PDB file of N, CA and C in Angstrom:
ATOM      1  N   MET A   1     -18.225 110.723  17.571  1.00  0.00           N
ATOM      2  CA  MET A   1     -17.894 110.837  18.766  1.00  0.00           C
ATOM      3  C   MET A   1     -17.646 109.675  19.427  1.00  0.00           C
ATOM      4  N   PRO A   2     -16.393 109.200  20.000  1.00  0.00           N
ATOM      5  CA  PRO A   2     -16.098 107.954  20.666  1.00  0.00           C
ATOM      6  C   PRO A   2     -17.012 107.956  21.816  1.00  0.00           C
ATOM      7  N   LEU A   3     -17.350 106.755  22.344  1.00  0.00           N
ATOM      8  CA  LEU A   3     -17.965 106.747  23.682  1.00  0.00           C
ATOM      9  C   LEU A   3     -16.711 107.104  24.941  1.00  0.00           C
ATOM     10  N   ASN A   4     -17.113 107.677  26.013  1.00  0.00           N
ATOM     11  CA  ASN A   4     -16.368 108.005  26.795  1.00  0.00           C
ATOM     12  C   ASN A   4     -15.998 107.190  27.462  1.00  0.00           C
ATOM     13  N   VAL A   5     -14.724 106.280  27.792  1.00  0.00           N
ATOM     14  CA  VAL A   5     -14.610 104.960  28.395  1.00  0.00           C
ATOM     15  C   VAL A   5     -13.975 105.692  29.841  1.00  0.00           C
ATOM     16  N   SER A   6     -13.800 106.975  29.916  1.00  0.00           N
ATOM     17  CA  SER A   6     -13.068 107.338  31.457  1.00  0.00           C
ATOM     18  C   SER A   6     -14.345 107.198  32.213  1.00  0.00           C
ATOM     19  N   TYR A   7     -15.200 106.760  32.090  1.00  0.00           N
ATOM     20  CA  TYR A   7     -16.512 106.359  32.921  1.00  0.00           C
ATOM     21  C   TYR A   7     -16.490 105.061  33.393  1.00  0.00           C
ATOM     22  N   MET A   8     -15.539 104.182  32.691  1.00  0.00           N
ATOM     23  CA  MET A   8     -15.518 102.726  32.887  1.00  0.00           C
ATOM     24  C   MET A   8     -14.710 102.673  34.267  1.00  0.00           C
ATOM     25  N   PRO A   9     -15.012 101.796  34.895  1.00  0.00           N
ATOM     26  CA  PRO A   9     -14.517 101.439  36.328  1.00  0.00           C
ATOM     27  C   PRO A   9     -13.023 101.028  35.748  1.00  0.00           C
ATOM     28  N   SER A  10     -12.154 101.432  36.696  1.00  0.00           N
ATOM     29  CA  SER A  10     -10.700 100.948  36.379  1.00  0.00           C
ATOM     30  C   SER A  10     -10.193  99.714  36.245  1.00  0.00           C
ATOM     31  N   GLU A  11     -10.767  98.860  37.069  1.00  0.00           N
ATOM     32  CA  GLU A  11     -10.477  97.542  36.919  1.00  0.00           C
ATOM     33  C   GLU A  11     -10.904  97.013  35.728  1.00  0.00           C
ATOM     34  N   LEU A  12     -12.033  97.498  34.975  1.00  0.00           N
ATOM     35  CA  LEU A  12     -12.557  97.033  33.751  1.00  0.00           C
ATOM     36  C   LEU A  12     -11.659  97.672  32.616  1.00  0.00           C
ATOM     37  N   ARG A  13     -11.387  99.212  32.780  1.00  0.00           N
ATOM     38  CA  ARG A  13     -10.528  99.742  31.892  1.00  0.00           C
ATOM     39  C   ARG A  13      -9.217  99.364  31.739  1.00  0.00           C
ATOM     40  N   SER A  14      -8.481  98.568  32.863  1.00  0.00           N
ATOM     41  CA  SER A  14      -6.992  98.146  32.670  1.00  0.00           C
ATOM     42  C   SER A  14      -7.207  96.774  31.676  1.00  0.00           C
ATOM     43  N   ALA A  15      -8.514  96.337  31.260  1.00  0.00           N
ATOM     44  CA  ALA A  15      -8.289  95.172  30.252  1.00  0.00           C
ATOM     45  C   ALA A  15      -8.028  95.588  28.906  1.00  0.00           C
ATOM     46  N   PHE A  16      -8.043  96.752  28.601  1.00  0.00           N
ATOM     47  CA  PHE A  16      -7.827  97.405  27.496  1.00  0.00           C
ATOM     48  C   PHE A  16      -6.618  98.251  27.104  1.00  0.00           C
ATOM     49  N   GLY A  17      -5.972  98.040  25.894  1.00  0.00           N
ATOM     50  CA  GLY A  17      -4.889  98.865  25.658  1.00  0.00           C
ATOM     51  C   GLY A  17      -5.136 100.308  25.309  1.00  0.00           C
ATOM     52  N   ASN A  18      -4.076 101.015  24.523  1.00  0.00           N
ATOM     53  CA  ASN A  18      -4.433 102.294  24.150  1.00  0.00           C
ATOM     54  C   ASN A  18      -5.336 102.777  22.958  1.00  0.00           C
ATOM     55  N   TYR A  19      -6.058 103.878  22.993  1.00  0.00           N
ATOM     56  CA  TYR A  19      -7.176 104.264  22.320  1.00  0.00           C
ATOM     57  C   TYR A  19      -6.261 104.365  20.697  1.00  0.00           C
ATOM     58  N   ALA A  20      -6.853 103.680  19.482  1.00  0.00           N
ATOM     59  CA  ALA A  20      -6.270 104.030  18.277  1.00  0.00           C
ATOM     60  C   ALA A  20      -7.291 103.343  17.376  1.00  0.00           C
ATOM     61  N   PRO A  21      -6.791 103.512  15.783  1.00  0.00           N
ATOM     62  CA  PRO A  21      -7.575 102.834  14.859  1.00  0.00           C
ATOM     63  C   PRO A  21      -7.269 101.557  15.013  1.00  0.00           C
ATOM     64  N   CYS A  22      -8.624 100.625  15.082  1.00  0.00           N
ATOM     65  CA  CYS A  22      -8.391  99.149  15.052  1.00  0.00           C
ATOM     66  C   CYS A  22      -9.012  98.209  13.992  1.00  0.00           C
ATOM     67  N   ILE A  23     -10.001  98.861  13.226  1.00  0.00           N
ATOM     68  CA  ILE A  23     -10.623  98.121  12.308  1.00  0.00           C
ATOM     69  C   ILE A  23     -10.373  98.796  11.197  1.00  0.00           C
ATOM     70  N   PHE A  24      -9.942  98.097   9.977  1.00  0.00           N
ATOM     71  CA  PHE A  24      -9.591  98.718   8.778  1.00  0.00           C
ATOM     72  C   PHE A  24     -10.317  98.049   7.429  1.00  0.00           C
ATOM     73  N   ASP A  25     -10.917  99.026   6.595  1.00  0.00           N
ATOM     74  CA  ASP A  25     -11.856  98.516   5.507  1.00  0.00           C
ATOM     75  C   ASP A  25     -11.077  97.545   4.546  1.00  0.00           C
ATOM     76  N   ALA A  26     -11.961  96.569   4.308  1.00  0.00           N
ATOM     77  CA  ALA A  26     -11.103  95.301   3.419  1.00  0.00           C
ATOM     78  C   ALA A  26     -10.641  95.955   2.059  1.00  0.00           C
ATOM     79  N   ALA A  27     -11.357  96.916   1.550  1.00  0.00           N
ATOM     80  CA  ALA A  27     -11.244  97.267   0.207  1.00  0.00           C
ATOM     81  C   ALA A  27     -10.037  98.288  -0.047  1.00  0.00           C
ATOM     82  N   CYS A  28     -10.224  99.298   0.925  1.00  0.00           N
ATOM     83  CA  CYS A  28      -9.270 100.490   0.734  1.00  0.00           C
ATOM     84  C   CYS A  28      -8.233 100.423   1.830  1.00  0.00           C
ATOM     85  N   GLY A  29      -8.400  99.737   2.948  1.00  0.00           N
ATOM     86  CA  GLY A  29      -7.582  99.842   3.959  1.00  0.00           C
ATOM     87  C   GLY A  29      -7.620 101.167   4.763  1.00  0.00           C
ATOM     88  N   GLU A  30      -8.496 101.751   4.629  1.00  0.00           N
ATOM     89  CA  GLU A  30      -8.799 103.226   5.578  1.00  0.00           C
ATOM     90  C   GLU A  30      -9.206 102.654   6.742  1.00  0.00           C
ATOM     91  N   PRO A  31      -8.965 103.258   8.209  1.00  0.00           N
ATOM     92  CA  PRO A  31      -9.655 102.974   9.240  1.00  0.00           C
ATOM     93  C   PRO A  31     -10.937 103.421   9.261  1.00  0.00           C
ATOM     94  N   VAL A  32     -11.741 102.450   9.773  1.00  0.00           N
ATOM     95  CA  VAL A  32     -13.512 102.822   9.943  1.00  0.00           C
ATOM     96  C   VAL A  32     -13.656 102.304  11.231  1.00  0.00           C
ATOM     97  N   GLY A  33     -12.979 101.775  12.094  1.00  0.00           N
ATOM     98  CA  GLY A  33     -13.387 101.800  13.574  1.00  0.00           C
ATOM     99  C   GLY A  33     -12.210 101.986  14.530  1.00  0.00           C
ATOM    100  N   TRP A  34     -12.245 102.535  15.572  1.00  0.00           N
ATOM    101  CA  TRP A  34     -11.408 103.096  16.627  1.00  0.00           C
ATOM    102  C   TRP A  34     -11.779 102.589  17.845  1.00  0.00           C
ATOM    103  N   GLY A  35     -10.776 102.329  18.653  1.00  0.00           N
ATOM    104  CA  GLY A  35     -11.096 101.702  20.112  1.00  0.00           C
ATOM    105  C   GLY A  35      -9.858 101.170  20.607  1.00  0.00           C
ATOM    106  N   PHE A  36     -10.098  99.768  21.134  1.00  0.00           N
ATOM    107  CA  PHE A  36      -8.951  99.506  22.125  1.00  0.00           C
ATOM    108  C   PHE A  36      -8.736  97.977  21.929  1.00  0.00           C
ATOM    109  N   LYS A  37      -7.139  97.550  21.873  1.00  0.00           N
ATOM    110  CA  LYS A  37      -7.346  96.251  21.954  1.00  0.00           C
ATOM    111  C   LYS A  37      -7.369  95.656  23.233  1.00  0.00           C
ATOM    112  N   LEU A  38      -8.069  94.471  23.125  1.00  0.00           N
ATOM    113  CA  LEU A  38      -8.241  93.727  24.387  1.00  0.00           C
ATOM    114  C   LEU A  38      -6.955  93.024  24.756  1.00  0.00           C
ATOM    115  N   LEU A  39      -6.552  93.261  26.074  1.00  0.00           N
ATOM    116  CA  LEU A  39      -5.459  92.732  26.829  1.00  0.00           C
ATOM    117  C   LEU A  39      -5.529  91.347  27.280  1.00  0.00           C
ATOM    118  N   CYS A  40      -6.620  91.119  27.759  1.00  0.00           N
ATOM    119  CA  CYS A  40      -6.966  89.965  28.632  1.00  0.00           C
ATOM    120  C   CYS A  40      -8.182  89.504  28.270  1.00  0.00           C
ATOM    121  N   GLU A  41      -8.749  88.149  28.735  1.00  0.00           N
ATOM    122  CA  GLU A  41      -9.864  87.827  28.899  1.00  0.00           C
ATOM    123  C   GLU A  41     -10.897  88.377  29.905  1.00  0.00           C
ATOM    124  N   LEU A  42     -12.067  88.791  29.352  1.00  0.00           N
ATOM    125  CA  LEU A  42     -12.789  89.659  30.363  1.00  0.00           C
ATOM    126  C   LEU A  42     -13.684  88.691  31.020  1.00  0.00           C
ATOM    127  N   GLY A  43     -14.260  87.437  30.733  1.00  0.00           N
ATOM    128  CA  GLY A  43     -15.174  86.805  31.260  1.00  0.00           C
ATOM    129  C   GLY A  43     -16.610  87.517  31.229  1.00  0.00           C
ATOM    130  N   PRO A  44     -17.666  86.593  31.502  1.00  0.00           N
ATOM    131  CA  PRO A  44     -18.962  87.010  31.114  1.00  0.00           C
ATOM    132  C   PRO A  44     -19.504  88.060  31.906  1.00  0.00           C
ATOM    133  N   GLU A  45     -19.236  88.267  33.216  1.00  0.00           N
ATOM    134  CA  GLU A  45     -19.361  89.296  34.012  1.00  0.00           C
ATOM    135  C   GLU A  45     -18.914  90.645  33.670  1.00  0.00           C
ATOM    136  N   ARG A  46     -17.599  90.841  33.347  1.00  0.00           N
ATOM    137  CA  ARG A  46     -16.895  91.912  32.852  1.00  0.00           C
ATOM    138  C   ARG A  46     -17.144  92.243  31.594  1.00  0.00           C
ATOM    139  N   TRP A  47     -17.639  91.018  30.613  1.00  0.00           N
ATOM    140  CA  TRP A  47     -17.841  91.436  29.421  1.00  0.00           C
ATOM    141  C   TRP A  47     -19.293  92.287  29.065  1.00  0.00           C
ATOM    142  N   SER A  48     -20.242  91.770  30.103  1.00  0.00           N
ATOM    143  CA  SER A  48     -21.438  92.063  30.377  1.00  0.00           C
ATOM    144  C   SER A  48     -21.261  93.640  30.568  1.00  0.00           C
ATOM    145  N   GLU A  49     -20.521  93.955  31.331  1.00  0.00           N
ATOM    146  CA  GLU A  49     -20.346  95.366  31.908  1.00  0.00           C
ATOM    147  C   GLU A  49     -19.613  96.353  30.773  1.00  0.00           C
ATOM    148  N   ALA A  50     -18.732  95.664  30.239  1.00  0.00           N
ATOM    149  CA  ALA A  50     -17.941  96.504  29.035  1.00  0.00           C
ATOM    150  C   ALA A  50     -19.066  96.865  27.967  1.00  0.00           C
ATOM    151  N   GLN A  51     -20.044  96.140  27.698  1.00  0.00           N
ATOM    152  CA  GLN A  51     -20.883  96.427  26.602  1.00  0.00           C
ATOM    153  C   GLN A  51     -21.803  97.700  26.648  1.00  0.00           C
ATOM    154  N   HIS A  52     -21.750  98.326  27.730  1.00  0.00           N
ATOM    155  CA  HIS A  52     -22.378  99.601  27.741  1.00  0.00           C
ATOM    156  C   HIS A  52     -21.655 100.701  27.315  1.00  0.00           C
ATOM    157  N   TYR A  53     -20.105 100.238  26.924  1.00  0.00           N
ATOM    158  CA  TYR A  53     -19.276 101.394  26.323  1.00  0.00           C
ATOM    159  C   TYR A  53     -18.727 101.131  25.019  1.00  0.00           C
ATOM    160  N   GLY A  54     -19.260  99.978  24.326  1.00  0.00           N
ATOM    161  CA  GLY A  54     -18.686  99.741  22.948  1.00  0.00           C
ATOM    162  C   GLY A  54     -19.062  98.140  22.599  1.00  0.00           C
ATOM    163  N   GLU A  55     -18.138  97.846  21.514  1.00  0.00           N
ATOM    164  CA  GLU A  55     -18.648  96.405  21.012  1.00  0.00           C
ATOM    165  C   GLU A  55     -17.466  95.654  20.685  1.00  0.00           C
ATOM    166  N   LEU A  56     -17.421  94.406  20.965  1.00  0.00           N
ATOM    167  CA  LEU A  56     -16.160  93.666  20.477  1.00  0.00           C
ATOM    168  C   LEU A  56     -16.274  93.294  18.948  1.00  0.00           C
ATOM    169  N   ALA A  57     -15.190  93.508  18.126  1.00  0.00           N
ATOM    170  CA  ALA A  57     -14.883  93.091  16.918  1.00  0.00           C
ATOM    171  C   ALA A  57     -13.412  92.401  16.725  1.00  0.00           C
ATOM    172  N   PHE A  58     -13.580  91.781  15.548  1.00  0.00           N
ATOM    173  CA  PHE A  58     -12.257  90.805  15.263  1.00  0.00           C
ATOM    174  C   PHE A  58     -11.490  91.957  14.599  1.00  0.00           C
ATOM    175  N   GLY A  59     -10.322  92.577  14.794  1.00  0.00           N
ATOM    176  CA  GLY A  59      -9.521  93.339  14.114  1.00  0.00           C
ATOM    177  C   GLY A  59      -8.587  92.413  13.229  1.00  0.00           C
ATOM    178  N   GLY A  60      -9.410  92.292  12.045  1.00  0.00           N
ATOM    179  CA  GLY A  60      -8.670  91.243  11.170  1.00  0.00           C
ATOM    180  C   GLY A  60      -6.896  91.606  10.825  1.00  0.00           C
ATOM    181  N   ALA A  61      -6.621  92.936  10.774  1.00  0.00           N
ATOM    182  CA  ALA A  61      -5.213  93.371  10.417  1.00  0.00           C
ATOM    183  C   ALA A  61      -4.236  93.231  11.448  1.00  0.00           C
ATOM    184  N   LEU A  62      -5.078  93.385  12.639  1.00  0.00           N
ATOM    185  CA  LEU A  62      -4.295  93.187  13.978  1.00  0.00           C
ATOM    186  C   LEU A  62      -4.325  91.826  14.448  1.00  0.00           C
ATOM    187  N   GLY A  63      -5.191  91.089  13.716  1.00  0.00           N
ATOM    188  CA  GLY A  63      -5.317  89.438  14.233  1.00  0.00           C
ATOM    189  C   GLY A  63      -5.684  89.256  15.814  1.00  0.00           C
ATOM    190  N   SER A  64      -6.503  90.322  16.099  1.00  0.00           N
ATOM    191  CA  SER A  64      -6.860  90.007  17.702  1.00  0.00           C
ATOM    192  C   SER A  64      -8.081  90.976  17.861  1.00  0.00           C
ATOM    193  N   TRP A  65      -8.928  90.347  18.810  1.00  0.00           N
ATOM    194  CA  TRP A  65     -10.107  91.052  19.245  1.00  0.00           C
ATOM    195  C   TRP A  65      -9.778  92.456  19.789  1.00  0.00           C
ATOM    196  N   VAL A  66     -10.798  93.576  19.383  1.00  0.00           N
ATOM    197  CA  VAL A  66     -10.393  94.736  19.583  1.00  0.00           C
ATOM    198  C   VAL A  66     -11.965  95.268  20.325  1.00  0.00           C
ATOM    199  N   PHE A  67     -11.920  96.059  21.095  1.00  0.00           N
ATOM    200  CA  PHE A  67     -13.185  96.810  21.661  1.00  0.00           C
ATOM    201  C   PHE A  67     -13.360  98.135  21.133  1.00  0.00           C
ATOM    202  N   VAL A  68     -14.449  98.363  20.132  1.00  0.00           N
ATOM    203  CA  VAL A  68     -14.690  99.333  19.032  1.00  0.00           C
ATOM    204  C   VAL A  68     -15.468 100.234  19.910  1.00  0.00           C
ATOM    205  N   THR A  69     -15.261 101.590  20.000  1.00  0.00           N
ATOM    206  CA  THR A  69     -16.198 102.665  20.571  1.00  0.00           C
ATOM    207  C   THR A  69     -16.306 103.483  19.651  1.00  0.00           C
ATOM    208  N   LYS A  70     -16.005 103.653  18.586  1.00  0.00           N
ATOM    209  CA  LYS A  70     -16.429 104.490  17.564  1.00  0.00           C
ATOM    210  C   LYS A  70     -16.112 104.041  16.228  1.00  0.00           C
ATOM    211  N   TRP A  71     -17.309 104.359  15.161  1.00  0.00           N
ATOM    212  CA  TRP A  71     -17.242 103.634  13.796  1.00  0.00           C
ATOM    213  C   TRP A  71     -17.384 104.991  12.904  1.00  0.00           C
ATOM    214  N   LEU A  72     -16.549 104.872  11.887  1.00  0.00           N
ATOM    215  CA  LEU A  72     -16.938 105.767  10.708  1.00  0.00           C
ATOM    216  C   LEU A  72     -18.129 105.984  10.297  1.00  0.00           C
ATOM    217  N   THR A  73     -18.886 107.206  10.060  1.00  0.00           N
ATOM    218  CA  THR A  73     -20.131 107.091   9.632  1.00  0.00           C
ATOM    219  C   THR A  73     -20.177 107.784   8.267  1.00  0.00           C
ATOM    220  N   PRO A  74     -21.424 107.390   7.694  1.00  0.00           N
ATOM    221  CA  PRO A  74     -21.431 108.039   6.090  1.00  0.00           C
ATOM    222  C   PRO A  74     -21.312 109.402   6.190  1.00  0.00           C
ATOM    223  N   THR A  75     -21.930 110.186   7.111  1.00  0.00           N
ATOM    224  CA  THR A  75     -21.617 111.687   7.138  1.00  0.00           C
ATOM    225  C   THR A  75     -20.260 111.909   7.155  1.00  0.00           C
ATOM    226  N   GLU A  76     -19.454 111.280   7.831  1.00  0.00           N
ATOM    227  CA  GLU A  76     -17.989 111.650   8.326  1.00  0.00           C
ATOM    228  C   GLU A  76     -17.043 111.319   6.885  1.00  0.00           C
ATOM    229  N   ALA A  77     -17.540 110.033   6.154  1.00  0.00           N
ATOM    230  CA  ALA A  77     -16.858 109.647   5.086  1.00  0.00           C
ATOM    231  C   ALA A  77     -17.059 110.532   4.066  1.00  0.00           C
ATOM    232  N   ILE A  78     -18.287 111.484   3.840  1.00  0.00           N
ATOM    233  CA  ILE A  78     -18.349 112.218   2.882  1.00  0.00           C
ATOM    234  C   ILE A  78     -17.272 113.330   3.305  1.00  0.00           C
ATOM    235  N   GLU A  79     -17.340 114.110   4.202  1.00  0.00           N
ATOM    236  CA  GLU A  79     -16.558 114.768   4.775  1.00  0.00           C
ATOM    237  C   GLU A  79     -15.076 114.628   4.474  1.00  0.00           C
ATOM    238  N   LYS A  80     -14.728 113.657   4.564  1.00  0.00           N
ATOM    239  CA  LYS A  80     -13.265 113.186   4.713  1.00  0.00           C
ATOM    240  C   LYS A  80     -12.953 112.677   3.075  1.00  0.00           C
ATOM    241  N   TYR A  81     -13.852 112.058   2.469  1.00  0.00           N
ATOM    242  CA  TYR A  81     -13.279 111.461   1.073  1.00  0.00           C
ATOM    243  C   TYR A  81     -14.071 111.897   0.035  1.00  0.00           C
ATOM    244  N   GLY A  82     -15.061 112.336   0.333  1.00  0.00           N
ATOM    245  CA  GLY A  82     -15.912 113.191  -0.816  1.00  0.00           C
ATOM    246  C   GLY A  82     -17.444 112.295  -0.842  1.00  0.00           C
ATOM    247  N   ASP A  83     -18.250 113.243  -1.764  1.00  0.00           N
ATOM    248  CA  ASP A  83     -19.848 112.341  -1.936  1.00  0.00           C
ATOM    249  C   ASP A  83     -19.695 111.004  -2.514  1.00  0.00           C
ATOM    250  N   VAL A  84     -20.835 110.428  -2.278  1.00  0.00           N
ATOM    251  CA  VAL A  84     -21.051 109.124  -2.770  1.00  0.00           C
ATOM    252  C   VAL A  84     -21.082 108.902  -4.201  1.00  0.00           C
ATOM    253  N   THR A  85     -20.141 108.378  -4.999  1.00  0.00           N
ATOM    254  CA  THR A  85     -20.156 108.164  -6.155  1.00  0.00           C
ATOM    255  C   THR A  85     -20.398 106.684  -6.857  1.00  0.00           C
ATOM    256  N   ASP A  86     -20.739 105.856  -5.848  1.00  0.00           N
ATOM    257  CA  ASP A  86     -21.232 104.555  -6.829  1.00  0.00           C
ATOM    258  C   ASP A  86     -21.738 103.526  -5.286  1.00  0.00           C
ATOM    259  N   ILE A  87     -22.799 102.931  -5.326  1.00  0.00           N
ATOM    260  CA  ILE A  87     -23.151 101.967  -4.437  1.00  0.00           C
ATOM    261  C   ILE A  87     -23.563 100.809  -5.081  1.00  0.00           C
ATOM    262  N   GLU A  88     -22.891  99.563  -4.595  1.00  0.00           N
ATOM    263  CA  GLU A  88     -23.036  98.181  -4.967  1.00  0.00           C
ATOM    264  C   GLU A  88     -23.958  97.461  -4.454  1.00  0.00           C
ATOM    265  N   HIS A  89     -25.053  96.858  -4.634  1.00  0.00           N
ATOM    266  CA  HIS A  89     -25.917  95.822  -4.092  1.00  0.00           C
ATOM    267  C   HIS A  89     -25.921  94.556  -4.702  1.00  0.00           C
ATOM    268  N   GLY A  90     -26.074  93.494  -3.919  1.00  0.00           N
ATOM    269  CA  GLY A  90     -26.225  92.173  -4.435  1.00  0.00           C
ATOM    270  C   GLY A  90     -27.501  91.834  -5.162  1.00  0.00           C
ATOM    271  N   PRO A  91     -27.704  90.763  -5.839  1.00  0.00           N
ATOM    272  CA  PRO A  91     -28.876  90.237  -6.268  1.00  0.00           C
ATOM    273  C   PRO A  91     -30.122  90.356  -5.531  1.00  0.00           C
ATOM    274  N   ARG A  92     -30.001  90.406  -4.242  1.00  0.00           N
ATOM    275  CA  ARG A  92     -31.204  90.383  -3.667  1.00  0.00           C
ATOM    276  C   ARG A  92     -31.334  91.748  -2.791  1.00  0.00           C
ATOM    277  N   GLY A  93     -30.619  92.783  -3.109  1.00  0.00           N
ATOM    278  CA  GLY A  93     -30.814  94.051  -2.550  1.00  0.00           C
ATOM    279  C   GLY A  93     -29.715  94.432  -1.421  1.00  0.00           C
ATOM    280  N   GLY A  94     -28.995  93.329  -1.191  1.00  0.00           N
ATOM    281  CA  GLY A  94     -28.154  93.716   0.038  1.00  0.00           C
ATOM    282  C   GLY A  94     -27.004  94.490  -0.063  1.00  0.00           C
ATOM    283  N   PHE A  95     -26.574  95.321   0.713  1.00  0.00           N
ATOM    284  CA  PHE A  95     -25.411  96.033   0.725  1.00  0.00           C
ATOM    285  C   PHE A  95     -24.356  95.386   0.415  1.00  0.00           C
ATOM    286  N   ARG A  96     -23.377  95.722  -0.670  1.00  0.00           N
ATOM    287  CA  ARG A  96     -22.113  95.117  -0.801  1.00  0.00           C
ATOM    288  C   ARG A  96     -20.873  96.082  -0.587  1.00  0.00           C
ATOM    289  N   SER A  97     -21.030  97.266  -1.391  1.00  0.00           N
ATOM    290  CA  SER A  97     -19.853  98.564  -1.048  1.00  0.00           C
ATOM    291  C   SER A  97     -20.640  99.831  -1.431  1.00  0.00           C
ATOM    292  N   VAL A  98     -19.691 100.761  -1.115  1.00  0.00           N
ATOM    293  CA  VAL A  98     -19.805 102.115  -1.323  1.00  0.00           C
ATOM    294  C   VAL A  98     -18.561 102.843  -1.625  1.00  0.00           C
ATOM    295  N   VAL A  99     -18.762 103.717  -2.585  1.00  0.00           N
ATOM    296  CA  VAL A  99     -17.544 104.488  -3.013  1.00  0.00           C
ATOM    297  C   VAL A  99     -17.937 105.965  -2.444  1.00  0.00           C
ATOM    298  N   TYR A 100     -16.955 106.560  -1.805  1.00  0.00           N
ATOM    299  CA  TYR A 100     -16.993 108.029  -1.175  1.00  0.00           C
ATOM    300  C   TYR A 100     -15.780 108.568  -1.906  1.00  0.00           C
ATOM    301  N   GLY A 101     -16.204 109.518  -2.692  1.00  0.00           N
ATOM    302  CA  GLY A 101     -15.000 110.143  -3.772  1.00  0.00           C
ATOM    303  C   GLY A 101     -14.419 109.045  -4.390  1.00  0.00           C
ATOM    304  N   ASP A 102     -13.204 108.524  -4.440  1.00  0.00           N
ATOM    305  CA  ASP A 102     -12.443 107.635  -5.012  1.00  0.00           C
ATOM    306  C   ASP A 102     -12.099 106.295  -4.244  1.00  0.00           C
ATOM    307  N   LYS A 103     -12.780 106.359  -3.045  1.00  0.00           N
ATOM    308  CA  LYS A 103     -12.203 105.169  -2.216  1.00  0.00           C
ATOM    309  C   LYS A 103     -13.608 104.324  -1.915  1.00  0.00           C
ATOM    310  N   ARG A 104     -13.202 102.874  -2.364  1.00  0.00           N
ATOM    311  CA  ARG A 104     -14.436 101.920  -1.942  1.00  0.00           C
ATOM    312  C   ARG A 104     -14.233 101.349  -0.752  1.00  0.00           C
ATOM    313  N   PHE A 105     -15.361 101.375  -0.153  1.00  0.00           N
ATOM    314  CA  PHE A 105     -15.633 100.657   1.193  1.00  0.00           C
ATOM    315  C   PHE A 105     -16.553  99.489   1.110  1.00  0.00           C
ATOM    316  N   LEU A 106     -16.107  98.459   1.873  1.00  0.00           N
ATOM    317  CA  LEU A 106     -16.970  97.359   2.163  1.00  0.00           C
ATOM    318  C   LEU A 106     -17.593  97.366   3.621  1.00  0.00           C
ATOM    319  N   SER A 107     -16.956  98.207   4.537  1.00  0.00           N
ATOM    320  CA  SER A 107     -17.734  98.132   5.782  1.00  0.00           C
ATOM    321  C   SER A 107     -19.665  98.478   5.772  1.00  0.00           C
ATOM    322  N   LYS A 108     -20.108  97.500   6.360  1.00  0.00           N
ATOM    323  CA  LYS A 108     -21.570  97.879   6.262  1.00  0.00           C
ATOM    324  C   LYS A 108     -21.912  99.215   7.197  1.00  0.00           C
ATOM    325  N   HIS A 109     -20.906  99.546   8.023  1.00  0.00           N
ATOM    326  CA  HIS A 109     -21.030 100.811   8.937  1.00  0.00           C
ATOM    327  C   HIS A 109     -21.339 101.877   7.897  1.00  0.00           C
ATOM    328  N   LEU A 110     -20.721 101.795   6.656  1.00  0.00           N
ATOM    329  CA  LEU A 110     -20.864 102.945   5.877  1.00  0.00           C
ATOM    330  C   LEU A 110     -21.768 103.051   4.694  1.00  0.00           C
ATOM    331  N   ASP A 111     -22.636 102.227   4.926  1.00  0.00           N
ATOM    332  CA  ASP A 111     -23.768 102.029   3.917  1.00  0.00           C
ATOM    333  C   ASP A 111     -24.852 103.245   4.019  1.00  0.00           C
ATOM    334  N   PRO A 112     -24.825 104.054   3.094  1.00  0.00           N
ATOM    335  CA  PRO A 112     -25.636 105.578   3.199  1.00  0.00           C
ATOM    336  C   PRO A 112     -27.109 105.167   3.504  1.00  0.00           C
ATOM    337  N   GLY A 113     -27.498 103.932   3.067  1.00  0.00           N
ATOM    338  CA  GLY A 113     -28.889 103.556   3.075  1.00  0.00           C
ATOM    339  C   GLY A 113     -29.523 103.360   4.586  1.00  0.00           C
ATOM    340  N   LYS A 114     -28.539 103.413   5.575  1.00  0.00           N
ATOM    341  CA  LYS A 114     -28.962 103.064   6.830  1.00  0.00           C
ATOM    342  C   LYS A 114     -29.256 104.066   7.600  1.00  0.00           C
TER     343      LYS A 114
END
């Protein structure tokens, strides 16, 4: 469930574009983050206030900073793509990727071990 930005003060909300998928997984290209494109620089005070509603991330495919209010969860990935069929860890045990159904994801937000 995305955070409800309707509670955000209007002068802060005006700094963001329309709600849409904004972060896409580097391996399969599926959306893993939803939120708003940043339309202007916030400055420290406004950014401090905005952090109550989401998090700033670089939307690589969009080539700009975005304000993410919803990440795909492992439970939602199972519902949409199927059960976990593979998990890859690095040599020191860190998460590298996970396969839901037949889709491989690199997004750390989809690590089923978290």
